[in-house]
């Protein structure tokens, strides 16, 4: 190896290192939004438009963005609102997400009965690993409930199913 090729090899190694240092500096000085800007406003605007038009997948997606604070300030109340809209249309992931908010008391009061109800409804429409996780979540909620609360949650879930998720 000659000195010239060694210098070129060093320069090639330094480029990724310099990029890492630059990104780290941006994150430390200005927060992650400077180094990694949020999703484009066009994408967010499209998602909001679709959610407002009643698209359950978009409503769940918007709920997730609010819950995680991605591209907007974290707001569990807004997340709950969007999850409720999608859950009322039978969207199982929105039902599961809504159950998590009820379970943790995020965006509103903690309510194990509603958490159980929503995760039970979600589990009924999920398959594979999603179903397995929903059942585990339901069982976890049940461990914190009285037998009377579990009975009430099951009654509400059945009523919700019968009414095709209206008024849940």
N, C-alpha and C. Protein backbone atom coordinates (compact mmCIF):
# COMPACT_ATOMS: atom_id res chain seq x y z
N UNK A 1 0.85 -1.16 0.00
CA UNK A 1 0.00 0.00 0.00
C UNK A 1 0.90 1.23 0.00
N UNK A 2 0.61 2.16 -0.87
CA UNK A 2 1.41 3.38 -0.94
C UNK A 2 0.82 4.42 -0.02
N UNK A 3 1.56 5.49 0.20
CA UNK A 3 1.10 6.58 1.07
C UNK A 3 -0.14 7.23 0.48
N UNK A 4 -0.16 7.39 -0.86
CA UNK A 4 -1.28 8.02 -1.53
C UNK A 4 -2.58 7.21 -1.31
N UNK A 5 -2.54 5.90 -1.51
CA UNK A 5 -3.74 5.10 -1.33
C UNK A 5 -4.15 5.02 0.13
N UNK A 6 -3.19 5.08 1.04
CA UNK A 6 -3.50 5.09 2.46
C UNK A 6 -4.25 6.36 2.84
N UNK A 7 -3.82 7.50 2.26
CA UNK A 7 -4.51 8.76 2.54
C UNK A 7 -5.93 8.72 2.00
N UNK A 8 -6.11 8.16 0.80
CA UNK A 8 -7.45 8.06 0.21
C UNK A 8 -8.32 7.15 1.08
N UNK A 9 -7.78 6.05 1.56
CA UNK A 9 -8.51 5.13 2.42
C UNK A 9 -8.93 5.83 3.71
N UNK A 10 -8.05 6.63 4.28
CA UNK A 10 -8.36 7.39 5.50
C UNK A 10 -9.48 8.38 5.25
N UNK A 11 -9.44 9.07 4.08
CA UNK A 11 -10.49 10.03 3.75
C UNK A 11 -11.85 9.33 3.63
N UNK A 12 -11.85 8.14 3.02
CA UNK A 12 -13.10 7.40 2.87
C UNK A 12 -13.66 6.98 4.23
N UNK A 13 -12.80 6.63 5.16
CA UNK A 13 -13.25 6.27 6.50
C UNK A 13 -13.74 7.48 7.27
N UNK A 14 -13.15 8.64 7.00
CA UNK A 14 -13.49 9.85 7.75
C UNK A 14 -14.85 10.41 7.35
N UNK A 15 -15.29 10.21 6.11
CA UNK A 15 -16.58 10.78 5.67
C UNK A 15 -17.75 10.29 6.52
N UNK A 16 -17.90 8.98 6.70
CA UNK A 16 -19.02 8.53 7.55
C UNK A 16 -18.87 9.01 8.99
N UNK A 17 -17.63 9.04 9.49
CA UNK A 17 -17.39 9.51 10.85
C UNK A 17 -17.79 10.97 10.99
N UNK A 18 -17.43 11.78 9.99
CA UNK A 18 -17.79 13.20 10.03
C UNK A 18 -19.30 13.38 9.98
N UNK A 19 -19.98 12.56 9.19
CA UNK A 19 -21.44 12.62 9.11
C UNK A 19 -22.07 12.26 10.45
N UNK A 20 -21.57 11.24 11.09
CA UNK A 20 -22.08 10.84 12.41
C UNK A 20 -21.88 11.97 13.42
N UNK A 21 -20.70 12.59 13.40
CA UNK A 21 -20.42 13.69 14.32
C UNK A 21 -21.37 14.86 14.04
N UNK A 22 -21.59 15.18 12.77
CA UNK A 22 -22.49 16.27 12.41
C UNK A 22 -23.91 15.99 12.88
N UNK A 23 -24.42 14.80 12.62
CA UNK A 23 -25.78 14.46 13.04
C UNK A 23 -25.92 14.47 14.56
N UNK A 24 -24.92 13.95 15.25
CA UNK A 24 -24.94 13.95 16.71
C UNK A 24 -24.96 15.37 17.24
N UNK A 25 -24.16 16.24 16.64
CA UNK A 25 -24.12 17.64 17.06
C UNK A 25 -25.47 18.30 16.84
N UNK A 26 -26.10 18.04 15.69
CA UNK A 26 -27.41 18.63 15.43
C UNK A 26 -28.44 18.16 16.43
N UNK A 27 -28.41 16.88 16.76
CA UNK A 27 -29.36 16.34 17.74
C UNK A 27 -29.14 16.97 19.10
N UNK A 28 -27.88 17.07 19.52
CA UNK A 28 -27.57 17.61 20.85
C UNK A 28 -27.88 19.10 20.95
N UNK A 29 -27.62 19.85 19.89
CA UNK A 29 -27.82 21.29 19.95
C UNK A 29 -29.27 21.70 19.65
N UNK A 30 -29.88 21.05 18.69
CA UNK A 30 -31.20 21.51 18.28
C UNK A 30 -32.29 20.50 18.43
N UNK A 31 -32.00 19.35 18.95
CA UNK A 31 -33.02 18.31 19.09
C UNK A 31 -33.08 17.48 17.83
N UNK A 32 -33.75 16.35 17.89
CA UNK A 32 -33.80 15.43 16.77
C UNK A 32 -34.46 16.01 15.53
N UNK A 33 -35.31 17.03 15.69
CA UNK A 33 -36.03 17.55 14.53
C UNK A 33 -35.10 18.24 13.53
N UNK A 34 -33.96 18.75 13.98
CA UNK A 34 -33.04 19.37 13.04
C UNK A 34 -32.30 18.33 12.21
N UNK A 35 -31.89 17.26 12.83
CA UNK A 35 -31.16 16.21 12.11
C UNK A 35 -32.09 15.33 11.31
N UNK A 36 -33.26 15.05 11.84
CA UNK A 36 -34.22 14.17 11.19
C UNK A 36 -35.57 14.88 11.16
N UNK A 37 -35.85 15.67 10.15
CA UNK A 37 -37.12 16.40 10.12
C UNK A 37 -38.30 15.44 10.09
N UNK A 38 -39.45 15.87 10.63
CA UNK A 38 -40.63 15.02 10.64
C UNK A 38 -41.12 14.77 9.21
N UNK A 39 -42.01 13.82 9.10
CA UNK A 39 -42.58 13.51 7.79
C UNK A 39 -43.11 14.78 7.15
N UNK A 40 -43.05 14.82 5.84
CA UNK A 40 -43.46 16.02 5.11
C UNK A 40 -44.87 16.45 5.44
N UNK A 41 -45.08 17.75 5.38
CA UNK A 41 -46.40 18.28 5.69
C UNK A 41 -47.42 17.79 4.68
N UNK A 42 -46.96 17.48 3.45
CA UNK A 42 -47.89 16.95 2.46
C UNK A 42 -48.42 15.60 2.92
N UNK A 43 -47.53 14.74 3.42
CA UNK A 43 -47.96 13.43 3.91
C UNK A 43 -48.91 13.58 5.09
N UNK A 44 -48.58 14.45 6.02
CA UNK A 44 -49.42 14.69 7.19
C UNK A 44 -50.75 15.29 6.78
N UNK A 45 -50.70 16.23 5.86
CA UNK A 45 -51.93 16.85 5.38
C UNK A 45 -52.84 15.83 4.71
N UNK A 46 -52.26 14.95 3.91
CA UNK A 46 -53.04 13.89 3.26
C UNK A 46 -53.66 12.97 4.30
N UNK A 47 -52.87 12.59 5.29
CA UNK A 47 -53.36 11.72 6.35
C UNK A 47 -54.52 12.38 7.10
N UNK A 48 -54.37 13.66 7.42
CA UNK A 48 -55.43 14.39 8.13
C UNK A 48 -56.70 14.48 7.28
N UNK A 49 -56.52 14.73 5.99
CA UNK A 49 -57.67 14.81 5.09
C UNK A 49 -58.41 13.47 5.05
N UNK A 50 -57.65 12.39 4.89
CA UNK A 50 -58.27 11.07 4.84
C UNK A 50 -58.95 10.73 6.16
N UNK A 51 -58.30 11.08 7.27
CA UNK A 51 -58.89 10.82 8.59
C UNK A 51 -60.19 11.60 8.75
N UNK A 52 -60.20 12.85 8.34
CA UNK A 52 -61.41 13.68 8.43
C UNK A 52 -62.52 13.17 7.54
N UNK A 53 -62.15 12.45 6.48
CA UNK A 53 -63.15 11.88 5.56
C UNK A 53 -63.66 10.53 6.05
N UNK A 54 -63.14 10.06 7.20
CA UNK A 54 -63.66 8.84 7.79
C UNK A 54 -62.85 7.59 7.51
N UNK A 55 -61.67 7.72 6.93
CA UNK A 55 -60.82 6.57 6.64
C UNK A 55 -60.24 6.04 7.95
N UNK A 56 -60.65 4.83 8.35
CA UNK A 56 -60.25 4.26 9.64
C UNK A 56 -58.74 4.05 9.74
N UNK A 57 -58.12 3.61 8.66
CA UNK A 57 -56.66 3.40 8.68
C UNK A 57 -55.94 4.73 8.91
N UNK A 58 -56.40 5.78 8.25
CA UNK A 58 -55.80 7.11 8.44
C UNK A 58 -56.07 7.62 9.86
N UNK A 59 -57.26 7.37 10.38
CA UNK A 59 -57.58 7.80 11.74
C UNK A 59 -56.66 7.11 12.74
N UNK A 60 -56.45 5.81 12.57
CA UNK A 60 -55.55 5.09 13.45
C UNK A 60 -54.12 5.63 13.31
N UNK A 61 -53.70 5.87 12.07
CA UNK A 61 -52.36 6.42 11.82
C UNK A 61 -52.17 7.77 12.46
N UNK A 62 -53.17 8.63 12.36
CA UNK A 62 -53.09 9.94 12.98
C UNK A 62 -53.06 9.82 14.50
N UNK A 63 -53.84 8.88 15.03
CA UNK A 63 -53.80 8.62 16.47
C UNK A 63 -52.41 8.20 16.91
N UNK A 64 -51.77 7.36 16.12
CA UNK A 64 -50.42 6.91 16.45
C UNK A 64 -49.42 8.07 16.44
N UNK A 65 -49.55 8.96 15.45
CA UNK A 65 -48.66 10.12 15.39
C UNK A 65 -48.82 11.00 16.63
N UNK A 66 -50.07 11.23 17.04
CA UNK A 66 -50.31 12.02 18.24
C UNK A 66 -49.78 11.30 19.48
N UNK A 67 -49.99 10.00 19.56
CA UNK A 67 -49.55 9.24 20.74
C UNK A 67 -48.03 9.24 20.86
N UNK A 68 -47.36 9.17 19.73
CA UNK A 68 -45.89 9.10 19.74
C UNK A 68 -45.24 10.46 19.61
N UNK A 69 -46.02 11.49 19.27
CA UNK A 69 -45.44 12.81 19.08
C UNK A 69 -44.57 12.89 17.85
N UNK A 70 -44.95 12.19 16.81
CA UNK A 70 -44.16 12.20 15.56
C UNK A 70 -44.76 13.20 14.59
N UNK A 71 -43.99 14.24 14.27
CA UNK A 71 -44.44 15.24 13.32
C UNK A 71 -45.40 16.25 13.92
N UNK A 72 -45.66 16.11 15.20
CA UNK A 72 -46.58 17.01 15.92
C UNK A 72 -46.33 16.82 17.41
N UNK A 73 -46.80 17.74 18.23
CA UNK A 73 -46.62 17.55 19.68
C UNK A 73 -47.39 16.32 20.16
N UNK A 74 -46.81 15.61 21.12
CA UNK A 74 -47.48 14.45 21.69
C UNK A 74 -48.74 14.92 22.40
N UNK A 75 -49.86 14.28 22.08
CA UNK A 75 -51.15 14.68 22.65
C UNK A 75 -52.03 13.44 22.75
N UNK A 76 -52.09 12.87 23.96
CA UNK A 76 -52.85 11.64 24.15
C UNK A 76 -54.35 11.86 24.03
N UNK A 77 -54.82 13.05 24.30
CA UNK A 77 -56.25 13.34 24.14
C UNK A 77 -56.63 13.26 22.67
N UNK A 78 -55.81 13.86 21.82
CA UNK A 78 -56.06 13.77 20.37
C UNK A 78 -55.90 12.34 19.88
N UNK A 79 -54.89 11.64 20.41
CA UNK A 79 -54.69 10.23 20.03
C UNK A 79 -55.94 9.43 20.36
N UNK A 80 -56.46 9.63 21.55
CA UNK A 80 -57.65 8.90 21.97
C UNK A 80 -58.84 9.21 21.06
N UNK A 81 -58.98 10.48 20.70
CA UNK A 81 -60.08 10.89 19.82
C UNK A 81 -60.01 10.17 18.48
N UNK A 82 -58.82 10.13 17.88
CA UNK A 82 -58.68 9.49 16.58
C UNK A 82 -58.80 7.97 16.68
N UNK A 83 -58.25 7.39 17.72
CA UNK A 83 -58.41 5.95 17.91
C UNK A 83 -59.88 5.59 18.08
N UNK A 84 -60.63 6.40 18.82
CA UNK A 84 -62.05 6.13 19.03
C UNK A 84 -62.81 6.12 17.71
N UNK A 85 -62.48 7.07 16.84
CA UNK A 85 -63.16 7.13 15.54
C UNK A 85 -62.88 5.87 14.72
N UNK A 86 -61.63 5.45 14.69
CA UNK A 86 -61.28 4.25 13.92
C UNK A 86 -61.82 2.99 14.60
N UNK A 87 -61.75 2.94 15.92
CA UNK A 87 -62.25 1.78 16.67
C UNK A 87 -63.75 1.59 16.45
N UNK A 88 -64.47 2.69 16.36
CA UNK A 88 -65.91 2.63 16.14
C UNK A 88 -66.26 2.08 14.75
N UNK A 89 -65.26 2.03 13.87
CA UNK A 89 -65.46 1.43 12.54
C UNK A 89 -64.96 -0.01 12.50
N UNK A 90 -64.53 -0.53 13.66
CA UNK A 90 -64.09 -1.90 13.73
C UNK A 90 -62.61 -2.11 13.44
N UNK A 91 -61.82 -1.05 13.42
CA UNK A 91 -60.39 -1.17 13.13
C UNK A 91 -59.70 -1.82 14.34
N UNK A 92 -59.22 -3.08 14.22
CA UNK A 92 -58.70 -3.78 15.39
C UNK A 92 -57.45 -3.16 16.01
N UNK A 93 -56.57 -2.60 15.19
CA UNK A 93 -55.36 -1.99 15.77
C UNK A 93 -55.72 -0.71 16.54
N UNK A 94 -56.69 0.03 16.03
CA UNK A 94 -57.15 1.22 16.76
C UNK A 94 -57.81 0.80 18.07
N UNK A 95 -58.56 -0.30 18.04
CA UNK A 95 -59.19 -0.81 19.26
C UNK A 95 -58.12 -1.18 20.28
N UNK A 96 -57.08 -1.84 19.83
CA UNK A 96 -55.99 -2.22 20.73
C UNK A 96 -55.27 -0.99 21.26
N UNK A 97 -55.01 -0.02 20.38
CA UNK A 97 -54.33 1.21 20.79
C UNK A 97 -55.18 1.98 21.80
N UNK A 98 -56.47 2.03 21.56
CA UNK A 98 -57.40 2.69 22.48
C UNK A 98 -57.39 2.00 23.84
N UNK A 99 -57.37 0.67 23.82
CA UNK A 99 -57.30 -0.10 25.06
C UNK A 99 -56.06 0.27 25.86
N UNK A 100 -54.94 0.45 25.18
CA UNK A 100 -53.70 0.82 25.86
C UNK A 100 -53.83 2.18 26.55
N UNK A 101 -54.50 3.12 25.89
CA UNK A 101 -54.68 4.45 26.51
C UNK A 101 -55.59 4.37 27.72
N UNK A 102 -56.67 3.59 27.62
CA UNK A 102 -57.55 3.40 28.77
C UNK A 102 -56.81 2.71 29.91
N UNK A 103 -56.02 1.72 29.57
CA UNK A 103 -55.26 0.98 30.58
C UNK A 103 -54.31 1.90 31.35
N UNK A 104 -53.60 2.76 30.61
CA UNK A 104 -52.60 3.64 31.24
C UNK A 104 -53.18 4.96 31.75
N UNK A 105 -54.43 5.25 31.38
CA UNK A 105 -55.01 6.52 31.79
C UNK A 105 -54.42 7.70 31.03
N UNK A 106 -54.10 7.49 29.77
CA UNK A 106 -53.52 8.55 28.93
C UNK A 106 -54.60 9.17 28.06
N UNK A 107 -54.70 10.48 28.06
CA UNK A 107 -55.69 11.18 27.25
C UNK A 107 -57.08 11.17 27.86
N UNK A 108 -57.19 10.67 29.06
CA UNK A 108 -58.46 10.59 29.76
C UNK A 108 -58.29 9.71 30.98
N UNK A 109 -59.37 9.45 31.66
CA UNK A 109 -59.26 8.65 32.89
C UNK A 109 -58.88 7.21 32.61
N UNK A 110 -58.19 6.62 33.57
CA UNK A 110 -57.87 5.19 33.50
C UNK A 110 -59.16 4.41 33.70
N UNK A 111 -59.36 3.39 32.87
CA UNK A 111 -60.60 2.63 32.94
C UNK A 111 -60.30 1.20 32.48
N UNK A 112 -60.12 0.29 33.44
CA UNK A 112 -59.80 -1.09 33.11
C UNK A 112 -60.94 -1.80 32.39
N UNK A 113 -62.17 -1.44 32.70
CA UNK A 113 -63.32 -2.07 32.05
C UNK A 113 -63.30 -1.75 30.55
N UNK A 114 -63.11 -0.48 30.23
CA UNK A 114 -63.04 -0.08 28.81
C UNK A 114 -61.79 -0.65 28.14
N UNK A 115 -60.68 -0.70 28.86
CA UNK A 115 -59.45 -1.27 28.30
C UNK A 115 -59.69 -2.73 27.93
N UNK A 116 -60.29 -3.48 28.85
CA UNK A 116 -60.58 -4.90 28.59
C UNK A 116 -61.54 -5.03 27.41
N UNK A 117 -62.59 -4.23 27.42
CA UNK A 117 -63.58 -4.29 26.35
C UNK A 117 -62.93 -4.09 24.99
N UNK A 118 -62.13 -3.02 24.85
CA UNK A 118 -61.54 -2.71 23.56
C UNK A 118 -60.50 -3.75 23.12
N UNK A 119 -59.69 -4.22 24.05
CA UNK A 119 -58.68 -5.21 23.66
C UNK A 119 -59.34 -6.55 23.35
N UNK A 120 -60.44 -6.86 24.00
CA UNK A 120 -61.19 -8.07 23.69
C UNK A 120 -61.77 -7.98 22.28
N UNK A 121 -62.32 -6.84 21.95
CA UNK A 121 -62.84 -6.63 20.59
C UNK A 121 -61.73 -6.74 19.55
N UNK A 122 -60.58 -6.15 19.86
CA UNK A 122 -59.44 -6.21 18.94
C UNK A 122 -58.99 -7.65 18.73
N UNK A 123 -58.86 -8.39 19.83
CA UNK A 123 -58.39 -9.78 19.74
C UNK A 123 -59.30 -10.62 18.86
N UNK A 124 -60.59 -10.31 18.88
CA UNK A 124 -61.54 -11.06 18.07
C UNK A 124 -61.37 -10.90 16.57
N UNK A 125 -60.64 -9.87 16.15
CA UNK A 125 -60.45 -9.63 14.71
C UNK A 125 -59.00 -9.75 14.27
N UNK A 126 -58.11 -10.03 15.19
CA UNK A 126 -56.69 -10.12 14.85
C UNK A 126 -56.29 -11.58 14.63
N UNK A 127 -55.18 -11.73 13.94
CA UNK A 127 -54.66 -13.07 13.67
C UNK A 127 -53.17 -13.11 14.00
N UNK A 128 -52.66 -14.30 14.14
CA UNK A 128 -51.22 -14.50 14.33
C UNK A 128 -50.68 -13.83 15.58
N UNK A 129 -49.53 -13.19 15.42
CA UNK A 129 -48.85 -12.53 16.54
C UNK A 129 -49.67 -11.38 17.12
N UNK A 130 -50.37 -10.66 16.26
CA UNK A 130 -51.22 -9.56 16.75
C UNK A 130 -52.29 -10.10 17.70
N UNK A 131 -52.91 -11.23 17.31
CA UNK A 131 -53.94 -11.85 18.15
C UNK A 131 -53.33 -12.30 19.47
N UNK A 132 -52.21 -12.96 19.39
CA UNK A 132 -51.53 -13.45 20.60
C UNK A 132 -51.21 -12.28 21.55
N UNK A 133 -50.71 -11.17 21.00
CA UNK A 133 -50.38 -10.02 21.83
C UNK A 133 -51.64 -9.40 22.45
N UNK A 134 -52.70 -9.32 21.67
CA UNK A 134 -53.96 -8.76 22.19
C UNK A 134 -54.50 -9.61 23.33
N UNK A 135 -54.44 -10.93 23.19
CA UNK A 135 -54.91 -11.83 24.25
C UNK A 135 -54.05 -11.64 25.50
N UNK A 136 -52.75 -11.52 25.33
CA UNK A 136 -51.87 -11.28 26.48
C UNK A 136 -52.21 -9.94 27.15
N UNK A 137 -52.48 -8.92 26.33
CA UNK A 137 -52.86 -7.61 26.88
C UNK A 137 -54.17 -7.71 27.66
N UNK A 138 -55.12 -8.45 27.10
CA UNK A 138 -56.42 -8.62 27.77
C UNK A 138 -56.24 -9.34 29.11
N UNK A 139 -55.41 -10.37 29.11
CA UNK A 139 -55.17 -11.12 30.34
C UNK A 139 -54.46 -10.25 31.38
N UNK A 140 -53.58 -9.38 30.91
CA UNK A 140 -52.87 -8.48 31.81
C UNK A 140 -53.84 -7.49 32.47
N UNK A 141 -54.77 -6.97 31.68
CA UNK A 141 -55.78 -6.07 32.23
C UNK A 141 -56.65 -6.82 33.24
N UNK A 142 -57.05 -8.04 32.88
CA UNK A 142 -57.94 -8.83 33.73
C UNK A 142 -57.34 -9.08 35.11
N UNK A 143 -56.02 -9.18 35.19
CA UNK A 143 -55.37 -9.41 36.49
C UNK A 143 -55.53 -8.23 37.44
N UNK A 144 -55.89 -7.09 36.91
CA UNK A 144 -56.06 -5.89 37.73
C UNK A 144 -57.54 -5.58 38.02
N UNK A 145 -58.41 -6.48 37.56
CA UNK A 145 -59.85 -6.25 37.67
C UNK A 145 -60.51 -7.22 38.64
N UNK A 146 -61.66 -6.80 39.13
CA UNK A 146 -62.48 -7.69 39.95
C UNK A 146 -63.31 -8.57 39.00
N UNK A 147 -63.83 -9.68 39.50
CA UNK A 147 -64.71 -10.51 38.65
C UNK A 147 -65.92 -9.72 38.12
N UNK A 148 -66.45 -8.83 38.92
CA UNK A 148 -67.60 -8.02 38.47
C UNK A 148 -67.18 -7.09 37.32
N UNK A 149 -66.00 -6.53 37.40
CA UNK A 149 -65.53 -5.66 36.32
C UNK A 149 -65.32 -6.45 35.03
N UNK A 150 -64.79 -7.65 35.15
CA UNK A 150 -64.57 -8.49 33.96
C UNK A 150 -65.91 -8.84 33.32
N UNK A 151 -66.89 -9.18 34.15
CA UNK A 151 -68.23 -9.49 33.64
C UNK A 151 -68.81 -8.29 32.90
N UNK A 152 -68.66 -7.11 33.49
CA UNK A 152 -69.17 -5.88 32.86
C UNK A 152 -68.44 -5.61 31.54
N UNK A 153 -67.13 -5.79 31.52
CA UNK A 153 -66.35 -5.56 30.29
C UNK A 153 -66.79 -6.52 29.18
N UNK A 154 -67.03 -7.77 29.53
CA UNK A 154 -67.49 -8.75 28.54
C UNK A 154 -68.88 -8.39 28.02
N UNK A 155 -69.74 -7.92 28.93
CA UNK A 155 -71.09 -7.50 28.53
C UNK A 155 -71.01 -6.32 27.56
N UNK A 156 -70.16 -5.35 27.88
CA UNK A 156 -70.00 -4.17 27.02
C UNK A 156 -69.41 -4.56 25.66
N UNK A 157 -68.46 -5.49 25.66
CA UNK A 157 -67.87 -5.94 24.40
C UNK A 157 -68.93 -6.61 23.52
N UNK A 158 -69.75 -7.46 24.12
CA UNK A 158 -70.79 -8.13 23.35
C UNK A 158 -71.81 -7.12 22.83
N UNK A 159 -72.19 -6.15 23.66
CA UNK A 159 -73.11 -5.10 23.24
C UNK A 159 -72.52 -4.30 22.08
N UNK A 160 -71.25 -4.01 22.20
CA UNK A 160 -70.55 -3.26 21.17
C UNK A 160 -70.54 -4.05 19.85
N UNK A 161 -70.24 -5.34 19.91
CA UNK A 161 -70.25 -6.20 18.73
C UNK A 161 -71.66 -6.21 18.09
N UNK A 162 -72.67 -6.37 18.92
CA UNK A 162 -74.06 -6.43 18.44
C UNK A 162 -74.46 -5.15 17.74
N UNK A 163 -73.97 -4.02 18.25
CA UNK A 163 -74.31 -2.72 17.68
C UNK A 163 -73.33 -2.28 16.61
N UNK A 164 -72.47 -3.20 16.18
CA UNK A 164 -71.46 -2.91 15.14
C UNK A 164 -70.62 -1.69 15.52
N UNK A 165 -70.21 -1.66 16.79
CA UNK A 165 -69.29 -0.67 17.36
C UNK A 165 -69.89 0.72 17.52
N UNK A 166 -71.18 0.86 17.32
CA UNK A 166 -71.83 2.16 17.51
C UNK A 166 -72.16 2.35 18.98
N UNK A 167 -71.81 3.49 19.52
CA UNK A 167 -72.12 3.82 20.90
C UNK A 167 -71.24 3.12 21.93
N UNK A 168 -70.11 2.66 21.51
CA UNK A 168 -69.22 1.96 22.43
C UNK A 168 -68.50 2.97 23.29
